Every structure is written in C-alpha cells, then in structure tokens.
Amino acid sequence: MIDWRKLCTGAQDVQIDGEAVVVTLGRGRQHRVDVASKGEAVELRAVIARRAMVDEQDNPALAAWYRNRAVSLVGFRVDDRGRLVGESWVPGAGLTADEFLVYLRGIATACDLFEFQLTGKDRE
C-alpha cells in the first residue's frame, strides 16, 4: 500500500481531510479530491457536478467524452451515482512526492475548470 499522506507532506496548497485532499487553487478556489490506495497504485477521484446538476445538462456523457479527447492526466465520466467525476490512476512504482503532487494538482485543476465551465460555481 502506498502512503499517499506522506507524499503530501510539506505541500502548502494541499490539506488532508480524512480520505481526501483539498487542493487550494488560485483566486480563492479549491477542489476536493478523494484518494484511495489500491495496492501498487493510487486512485484519485473528484466530483465535478452532483446528480441534480448533471440532470439539468443536455448530454453530460458527451461533454465528458469531448473533454476526454483534450486532457491526458484525467478521465471524465458520469458515475453510477449520476455524478460527473474526474478520475486518475497513479502508478506506485517509483512514485515520488513531486510526481504524486503533479497528478493531485492536475486532477483538481481540471475538475475545477470543468465544474466552473459547467456550473459557473465552486461547489466541490
């Protein structure tokens, strides 16, 4: 199991909150990323929009598909709870704190931007 909490040590823009990390972004924005150690990898998942907001969209799965074509570190999808989420798997072999933080900040930034473009708000 990978000790992802240790990889966050010293980073000023991340705050551990249970099994998640709140990443502080620019202009007072922040985004919560759920973190799960899965054997020799770390799974990162962040909610972009909850089901109620997703249900208001014309075609959220298509919006996620278009976004997936342009982004490489994060994959977007509508999950089994009807939420629009971003996900990333980080291989654990040789994982350094700097590399982990690139993934963590990358998913937080990509999901926060998608959330803002979709809703105009900072809820997650």
C-alpha atoms as a PDB file:
ATOM      1  CA  MET A   1       0.000   0.000   0.000  1.00  0.00           C
ATOM      2  CA  ILE A   2       1.212   3.451  -0.869  1.00  0.00           C
ATOM      3  CA  ASP A   3       1.325   6.024   1.936  1.00  0.00           C
ATOM      4  CA  TRP A   4      -0.096   8.926  -0.071  1.00  0.00           C
ATOM      5  CA  ARG A   5      -0.390  11.126   3.037  1.00  0.00           C
ATOM      6  CA  LYS A   6       3.393  11.080   3.386  1.00  0.00           C
ATOM      7  CA  LEU A   7       3.689  12.209  -0.245  1.00  0.00           C
ATOM      8  CA  CYS A   8       1.661  15.337   0.634  1.00  0.00           C
ATOM      9  CA  THR A   9       3.974  16.385   3.476  1.00  0.00           C
ATOM     10  CA  GLY A  10       5.238  19.935   3.094  1.00  0.00           C
ATOM     11  CA  ALA A  11       2.934  20.943   0.231  1.00  0.00           C
ATOM     12  CA  GLN A  12       1.393  24.284   1.173  1.00  0.00           C
ATOM     13  CA  ASP A  13      -1.560  24.042  -1.231  1.00  0.00           C
ATOM     14  CA  VAL A  14      -2.926  20.677  -0.088  1.00  0.00           C
ATOM     15  CA  GLN A  15      -4.791  19.854   3.098  1.00  0.00           C
ATOM     16  CA  ILE A  16      -5.552  16.264   4.056  1.00  0.00           C
ATOM     17  CA  ASP A  17      -9.186  15.747   5.066  1.00  0.00           C
ATOM     18  CA  GLY A  18      -9.765  12.116   6.024  1.00  0.00           C
ATOM     19  CA  GLU A  19      -9.510  10.015   2.857  1.00  0.00           C
ATOM     20  CA  ALA A  20      -9.367  13.113   0.675  1.00  0.00           C
ATOM     21  CA  VAL A  21      -7.216  16.122  -0.070  1.00  0.00           C
ATOM     22  CA  VAL A  22      -8.461  19.670  -0.540  1.00  0.00           C
ATOM     23  CA  VAL A  23      -6.272  21.390  -3.120  1.00  0.00           C
ATOM     24  CA  THR A  24      -6.171  25.182  -2.955  1.00  0.00           C
ATOM     25  CA  LEU A  25      -6.182  26.750  -6.407  1.00  0.00           C
ATOM     26  CA  GLY A  26      -5.852  30.379  -7.464  1.00  0.00           C
ATOM     27  CA  ARG A  27      -8.375  33.144  -6.808  1.00  0.00           C
ATOM     28  CA  GLY A  28      -9.796  31.546  -3.684  1.00  0.00           C
ATOM     29  CA  ARG A  29     -10.943  28.391  -5.458  1.00  0.00           C
ATOM     30  CA  GLN A  30     -10.334  24.896  -4.149  1.00  0.00           C
ATOM     31  CA  HIS A  31     -11.282  21.371  -5.114  1.00  0.00           C
ATOM     32  CA  ARG A  32     -11.646  18.184  -3.081  1.00  0.00           C
ATOM     33  CA  VAL A  33     -10.007  15.008  -4.392  1.00  0.00           C
ATOM     34  CA  ASP A  34     -10.812  11.602  -2.885  1.00  0.00           C
ATOM     35  CA  VAL A  35      -7.716   9.403  -2.591  1.00  0.00           C
ATOM     36  CA  ALA A  36      -7.598   5.603  -2.295  1.00  0.00           C
ATOM     37  CA  SER A  37      -4.502   3.444  -2.166  1.00  0.00           C
ATOM     38  CA  LYS A  38      -5.225   0.390  -4.339  1.00  0.00           C
ATOM     39  CA  GLY A  39      -2.297  -1.990  -3.964  1.00  0.00           C
ATOM     40  CA  GLU A  40       0.513  -0.637  -6.128  1.00  0.00           C
ATOM     41  CA  ALA A  41      -1.465   2.344  -7.434  1.00  0.00           C
ATOM     42  CA  VAL A  42      -3.342   5.340  -6.085  1.00  0.00           C
ATOM     43  CA  GLU A  43      -6.822   6.189  -7.348  1.00  0.00           C
ATOM     44  CA  LEU A  44      -7.784   9.872  -7.432  1.00  0.00           C
ATOM     45  CA  ARG A  45     -11.414  10.915  -7.946  1.00  0.00           C
ATOM     46  CA  ALA A  46     -13.009  14.347  -7.821  1.00  0.00           C
ATOM     47  CA  VAL A  47     -16.654  15.311  -8.212  1.00  0.00           C
ATOM     48  CA  ILE A  48     -17.342  17.938 -10.848  1.00  0.00           C
ATOM     49  CA  ALA A  49     -21.129  18.088 -10.542  1.00  0.00           C
ATOM     50  CA  ARG A  50     -23.664  16.255  -8.433  1.00  0.00           C
ATOM     51  CA  ARG A  51     -26.595  14.362  -9.943  1.00  0.00           C
ATOM     52  CA  ALA A  52     -29.061  17.273  -9.705  1.00  0.00           C
ATOM     53  CA  MET A  53     -26.751  19.488 -11.764  1.00  0.00           C
ATOM     54  CA  VAL A  54     -25.902  16.663 -14.178  1.00  0.00           C
ATOM     55  CA  ASP A  55     -29.625  16.030 -14.763  1.00  0.00           C
ATOM     56  CA  GLU A  56     -30.001  19.659 -15.905  1.00  0.00           C
ATOM     57  CA  GLN A  57     -27.380  19.241 -18.660  1.00  0.00           C
ATOM     58  CA  ASP A  58     -28.284  18.316 -22.243  1.00  0.00           C
ATOM     59  CA  ASN A  59     -25.767  15.493 -22.632  1.00  0.00           C
ATOM     60  CA  PRO A  60     -23.215  15.266 -19.803  1.00  0.00           C
ATOM     61  CA  ALA A  61     -21.713  11.997 -21.072  1.00  0.00           C
ATOM     62  CA  LEU A  62     -20.958  13.643 -24.418  1.00  0.00           C
ATOM     63  CA  ALA A  63     -19.469  16.675 -22.651  1.00  0.00           C
ATOM     64  CA  ALA A  64     -17.210  14.295 -20.697  1.00  0.00           C
ATOM     65  CA  TRP A  65     -16.258  12.482 -23.910  1.00  0.00           C
ATOM     66  CA  TYR A  66     -15.281  15.748 -25.615  1.00  0.00           C
ATOM     67  CA  ARG A  67     -13.250  16.775 -22.577  1.00  0.00           C
ATOM     68  CA  ASN A  68     -11.505  13.374 -22.509  1.00  0.00           C
ATOM     69  CA  ARG A  69     -10.245  13.997 -26.044  1.00  0.00           C
ATOM     70  CA  ALA A  70      -8.309  17.064 -24.863  1.00  0.00           C
ATOM     71  CA  VAL A  71      -6.991  16.005 -21.442  1.00  0.00           C
ATOM     72  CA  SER A  72      -4.415  13.319 -20.717  1.00  0.00           C
ATOM     73  CA  LEU A  73      -3.987  13.044 -16.919  1.00  0.00           C
ATOM     74  CA  VAL A  74      -7.689  12.874 -16.073  1.00  0.00           C
ATOM     75  CA  GLY A  75     -10.610  10.858 -17.416  1.00  0.00           C
ATOM     76  CA  PHE A  76     -14.151  12.204 -17.059  1.00  0.00           C
ATOM     77  CA  ARG A  77     -17.363  10.191 -16.814  1.00  0.00           C
ATOM     78  CA  VAL A  78     -20.802  10.019 -15.241  1.00  0.00           C
ATOM     79  CA  ASP A  79     -20.515   7.548 -12.350  1.00  0.00           C
ATOM     80  CA  ASP A  80     -23.063   5.027 -11.065  1.00  0.00           C
ATOM     81  CA  ARG A  81     -24.487   7.674  -8.697  1.00  0.00           C
ATOM     82  CA  GLY A  82     -25.190  10.043 -11.595  1.00  0.00           C
ATOM     83  CA  ARG A  83     -22.373  12.449 -10.721  1.00  0.00           C
ATOM     84  CA  LEU A  84     -19.916  13.845 -13.233  1.00  0.00           C
ATOM     85  CA  VAL A  85     -16.463  12.879 -11.942  1.00  0.00           C
ATOM     86  CA  GLY A  86     -12.834  13.073 -12.955  1.00  0.00           C
ATOM     87  CA  GLU A  87     -10.532  10.131 -12.250  1.00  0.00           C
ATOM     88  CA  SER A  88      -6.854   9.366 -12.446  1.00  0.00           C
ATOM     89  CA  TRP A  89      -4.791   6.291 -11.559  1.00  0.00           C
ATOM     90  CA  VAL A  90      -1.250   6.925 -10.365  1.00  0.00           C
ATOM     91  CA  PRO A  91       1.210   4.006 -10.654  1.00  0.00           C
ATOM     92  CA  GLY A  92       3.046   3.438  -7.389  1.00  0.00           C
ATOM     93  CA  ALA A  93       6.335   2.042  -8.704  1.00  0.00           C
ATOM     94  CA  GLY A  94       8.983   4.682  -8.046  1.00  0.00           C
ATOM     95  CA  LEU A  95       6.356   7.286  -7.157  1.00  0.00           C
ATOM     96  CA  THR A  96       7.865  10.450  -5.686  1.00  0.00           C
ATOM     97  CA  ALA A  97       6.125  13.224  -3.783  1.00  0.00           C
ATOM     98  CA  ASP A  98       6.666  15.644  -6.680  1.00  0.00           C
ATOM     99  CA  GLU A  99       5.105  13.247  -9.181  1.00  0.00           C
ATOM    100  CA  PHE A 100       2.134  12.491  -6.919  1.00  0.00           C
ATOM    101  CA  LEU A 101       1.515  16.207  -6.408  1.00  0.00           C
ATOM    102  CA  VAL A 102       1.535  16.775 -10.191  1.00  0.00           C
ATOM    103  CA  TYR A 103      -1.295  14.236 -10.525  1.00  0.00           C
ATOM    104  CA  LEU A 104      -3.148  15.607  -7.490  1.00  0.00           C
ATOM    105  CA  ARG A 105      -2.948  19.226  -8.630  1.00  0.00           C
ATOM    106  CA  GLY A 106      -3.703  18.195 -12.208  1.00  0.00           C
ATOM    107  CA  ILE A 107      -6.958  16.430 -11.380  1.00  0.00           C
ATOM    108  CA  ALA A 108      -8.027  19.220  -9.003  1.00  0.00           C
ATOM    109  CA  THR A 109      -7.361  21.893 -11.624  1.00  0.00           C
ATOM    110  CA  ALA A 110      -9.010  20.004 -14.498  1.00  0.00           C
ATOM    111  CA  CYS A 111     -12.103  19.155 -12.450  1.00  0.00           C
ATOM    112  CA  ASP A 112     -12.423  22.650 -11.015  1.00  0.00           C
ATOM    113  CA  LEU A 113     -12.218  24.167 -14.501  1.00  0.00           C
ATOM    114  CA  PHE A 114     -14.831  21.731 -15.860  1.00  0.00           C
ATOM    115  CA  GLU A 115     -17.071  22.479 -12.856  1.00  0.00           C
ATOM    116  CA  PHE A 116     -16.780  26.228 -13.421  1.00  0.00           C
ATOM    117  CA  GLN A 117     -17.477  25.945 -17.149  1.00  0.00           C
ATOM    118  CA  LEU A 118     -20.478  23.713 -16.473  1.00  0.00           C
ATOM    119  CA  THR A 119     -21.999  25.473 -13.457  1.00  0.00           C
ATOM    120  CA  GLY A 120     -20.270  28.838 -13.036  1.00  0.00           C
ATOM    121  CA  LYS A 121     -19.750  27.975  -9.364  1.00  0.00           C
ATOM    122  CA  ASP A 122     -17.185  26.494  -6.956  1.00  0.00           C
ATOM    123  CA  ARG A 123     -19.159  23.849  -5.045  1.00  0.00           C
ATOM    124  CA  GLU A 124     -16.838  20.859  -4.938  1.00  0.00           C
END
